[in-house]
Amino acid sequence: MIKAVIRTKFLMNSRDKASAIIRSYANAYMKLSDRFGVVSGMEKVAIPHMIGVDPEMQGWSFFQILEHSAIVNRSIAATVEALALGKEPTGAALINPRIDVLPQGVSGSDQIGFFRQSVDDYLELLSALPELRGTKLKNHPLFGPFDAHKWHCMFGFHLGLHLKQAEKVLSLLGK
């Protein structure tokens, strides 16, 4: 059921609306980053179960959430670009969603810039791409085959899931 709802929601979104959602979420992350200090941003916080947050992700710090999001952002960007240009996805588009998206080591405040850059680079790339609807398909691990447009919508959807996680981490830290 959820799979059908997500796919329908993405189908109904325009390219511009999906881009606006991405910008809005990215700005919300930046506002949150102002509320985290260097130390609190590195503090791992156990959160309760949340939709879209796997068990291995429930004890992350804010900076780990940003690192994860930047990794996924770059992967989706590579996927959207390849599909929009009629090519087979390669490189960053080919990740193991269980392993390759996990933060590596200690994530620090430099993740704020890496995250912001991943969003800005994607939106710049997007402006140069042709039509996203009706392209070749690449499977999403949970929601099935997506064309470039649905992957574009997934970029913002993913940011929204982890924004809720970041807000929960902030609230549990008492910030």
Protein backbone atom coordinates (compact mmCIF):
# COMPACT_ATOMS: atom_id res chain seq x y z
CA MET A 1 0.00 0.00 0.00
CA ILE A 2 2.72 2.47 1.02
CA LYS A 3 4.62 1.64 -2.16
CA ALA A 4 1.61 2.65 -4.29
CA VAL A 5 1.07 5.87 -2.31
CA ILE A 6 4.70 6.94 -2.71
CA ARG A 7 4.78 6.13 -6.42
CA THR A 8 1.51 8.04 -6.98
CA LYS A 9 2.74 11.02 -4.98
CA PHE A 10 5.90 11.16 -7.08
CA LEU A 11 3.89 10.85 -10.28
CA MET A 12 1.73 13.82 -9.27
CA ASN A 13 4.70 16.06 -8.39
CA SER A 14 6.12 18.37 -11.01
CA ARG A 15 9.85 18.73 -11.52
CA ASP A 16 9.71 22.28 -10.13
CA LYS A 17 7.71 21.26 -7.07
CA ALA A 18 10.14 18.43 -6.31
CA SER A 19 13.05 20.88 -6.64
CA ALA A 20 11.31 23.36 -4.31
CA ILE A 21 10.86 20.59 -1.73
CA ILE A 22 14.56 19.77 -1.95
CA ARG A 23 15.52 23.44 -1.45
CA SER A 24 13.13 23.78 1.47
CA TYR A 25 14.46 20.69 3.25
CA ALA A 26 18.09 21.69 2.61
CA ASN A 27 17.39 25.10 4.16
CA ALA A 28 15.73 23.42 7.15
CA TYR A 29 18.86 21.30 7.69
CA MET A 30 20.98 24.46 7.59
CA LYS A 31 18.78 26.11 10.21
CA LEU A 32 19.11 23.02 12.39
CA SER A 33 22.88 23.05 11.98
CA ASP A 34 22.93 26.54 13.53
CA ARG A 35 21.36 25.04 16.67
CA PHE A 36 23.93 22.24 16.98
CA GLY A 37 27.39 23.08 18.23
CA VAL A 38 30.48 21.18 17.16
CA VAL A 39 30.23 18.92 20.21
CA SER A 40 26.47 18.36 20.24
CA GLY A 41 26.48 17.75 16.47
CA MET A 42 28.81 14.80 17.07
CA GLU A 43 26.79 13.36 19.94
CA LYS A 44 25.12 10.08 19.03
CA VAL A 45 21.53 9.96 20.21
CA ALA A 46 19.31 6.88 20.43
CA ILE A 47 15.92 7.66 18.96
CA PRO A 48 12.76 5.56 18.99
CA HIS A 49 11.58 3.77 15.85
CA MET A 50 10.77 6.16 13.01
CA ILE A 51 9.45 5.37 9.54
CA GLY A 52 12.34 5.36 7.08
CA VAL A 53 15.04 5.18 9.75
CA ASP A 54 16.51 1.67 9.87
CA PRO A 55 17.58 0.26 13.24
CA GLU A 56 21.29 0.78 12.47
CA MET A 57 20.52 4.47 11.88
CA GLN A 58 18.69 5.06 15.16
CA GLY A 59 21.81 5.96 17.14
CA TRP A 60 23.36 8.54 14.84
CA SER A 61 24.58 12.04 15.53
CA PHE A 62 23.36 15.04 13.54
CA PHE A 63 26.61 15.07 11.57
CA GLN A 64 26.22 11.37 10.74
CA ILE A 65 22.73 12.11 9.40
CA LEU A 66 24.24 14.82 7.18
CA GLU A 67 27.00 12.47 6.00
CA HIS A 68 24.48 9.75 5.15
CA SER A 69 22.27 12.24 3.33
CA ALA A 70 25.18 13.61 1.28
CA ILE A 71 26.15 10.06 0.23
CA VAL A 72 22.58 9.30 -0.83
CA ASN A 73 22.27 12.71 -2.52
CA ARG A 74 25.33 12.01 -4.69
CA SER A 75 24.01 8.55 -5.55
CA ILE A 76 20.60 9.86 -6.58
CA ALA A 77 22.25 12.67 -8.57
CA ALA A 78 24.32 10.15 -10.52
CA THR A 79 21.22 8.03 -11.11
CA VAL A 80 19.07 10.94 -12.30
CA GLU A 81 21.82 12.19 -14.60
CA ALA A 82 22.41 8.79 -16.21
CA LEU A 83 18.71 8.04 -16.71
CA ALA A 84 17.93 11.52 -18.06
CA LEU A 85 20.76 11.17 -20.59
CA GLY A 86 19.68 7.68 -21.63
CA LYS A 87 22.74 6.01 -20.13
CA GLU A 88 23.18 3.09 -17.78
CA PRO A 89 23.79 4.26 -14.22
CA THR A 90 27.42 3.76 -13.12
CA GLY A 91 29.78 4.95 -10.40
CA ALA A 92 28.05 6.65 -7.47
CA ALA A 93 24.66 5.45 -8.78
CA LEU A 94 25.62 1.86 -8.05
CA ILE A 95 25.69 1.57 -4.30
CA ASN A 96 24.76 -1.10 -1.82
CA PRO A 97 21.94 0.63 0.10
CA ARG A 98 22.69 -1.40 3.23
CA ILE A 99 26.43 -0.68 3.45
CA ASP A 100 27.62 2.14 1.20
CA VAL A 101 25.30 4.77 2.71
CA LEU A 102 26.56 4.41 6.28
CA PRO A 103 28.74 7.14 7.81
CA GLN A 104 32.44 6.37 7.89
CA GLY A 105 34.15 6.89 11.25
CA VAL A 106 33.63 10.10 13.20
CA SER A 107 31.50 12.68 11.43
CA GLY A 108 32.32 16.28 12.26
CA SER A 109 31.08 19.76 11.43
CA ASP A 110 32.64 19.54 7.95
CA GLN A 111 29.59 17.43 7.05
CA ILE A 112 27.49 20.61 6.98
CA GLY A 113 29.42 21.89 3.97
CA PHE A 114 29.55 18.48 2.29
CA PHE A 115 25.80 18.13 2.68
CA ARG A 116 25.04 21.63 1.35
CA GLN A 117 27.39 21.10 -1.58
CA SER A 118 25.71 17.80 -2.48
CA VAL A 119 22.33 19.57 -2.69
CA ASP A 120 23.65 22.60 -4.57
CA ASP A 121 25.57 20.42 -7.05
CA TYR A 122 22.46 18.32 -7.67
CA LEU A 123 20.17 21.29 -8.29
CA GLU A 124 22.74 22.82 -10.65
CA LEU A 125 23.07 19.50 -12.52
CA LEU A 126 19.30 19.21 -12.71
CA SER A 127 18.96 22.55 -14.49
CA ALA A 128 21.05 21.19 -17.38
CA LEU A 129 19.18 17.90 -17.79
CA PRO A 130 16.45 17.17 -20.35
CA GLU A 131 13.06 15.64 -19.57
CA LEU A 132 13.06 13.36 -16.53
CA ARG A 133 9.78 11.55 -17.11
CA GLY A 134 9.67 8.42 -19.23
CA THR A 135 13.38 7.65 -19.09
CA LYS A 136 14.99 4.28 -18.58
CA LEU A 137 14.25 2.76 -15.21
CA LYS A 138 16.43 1.85 -12.26
CA ASN A 139 15.06 -0.06 -9.29
CA HIS A 140 14.76 1.57 -5.91
CA PRO A 141 15.41 -1.08 -3.23
CA LEU A 142 11.99 -0.57 -1.60
CA PHE A 143 9.73 1.08 -4.14
CA GLY A 144 10.61 -0.69 -7.38
CA PRO A 145 11.44 0.76 -10.79
CA PHE A 146 11.81 4.55 -10.98
CA ASP A 147 12.45 6.77 -13.96
CA ALA A 148 14.63 9.90 -13.52
CA HIS A 149 11.62 11.95 -12.37
CA LYS A 150 10.71 9.56 -9.58
CA TRP A 151 14.36 9.47 -8.49
CA HIS A 152 14.29 13.28 -8.46
CA CYS A 153 11.26 13.15 -6.16
CA MET A 154 13.01 10.53 -4.01
CA PHE A 155 15.85 13.00 -3.37
CA GLY A 156 13.49 15.30 -1.47
CA PHE A 157 11.52 12.47 0.12
CA HIS A 158 14.73 11.03 1.56
CA LEU A 159 15.79 14.43 2.90
CA GLY A 160 12.40 14.75 4.60
CA LEU A 161 12.70 11.39 6.35
CA HIS A 162 16.06 12.20 7.85
CA LEU A 163 15.09 15.80 8.64
CA LYS A 164 12.53 14.35 11.05
CA GLN A 165 15.29 12.19 12.52
CA ALA A 166 17.58 15.22 12.91
CA GLU A 167 14.81 17.19 14.60
CA LYS A 168 14.25 14.30 17.00
CA VAL A 169 17.97 14.15 17.81
CA LEU A 170 17.92 17.90 18.51
CA SER A 171 14.91 17.61 20.78
CA LEU A 172 16.42 14.70 22.73
CA LEU A 173 19.54 16.78 23.28
CA GLY A 174 17.33 19.49 24.76
CA LYS A 175 18.29 22.08 22.15
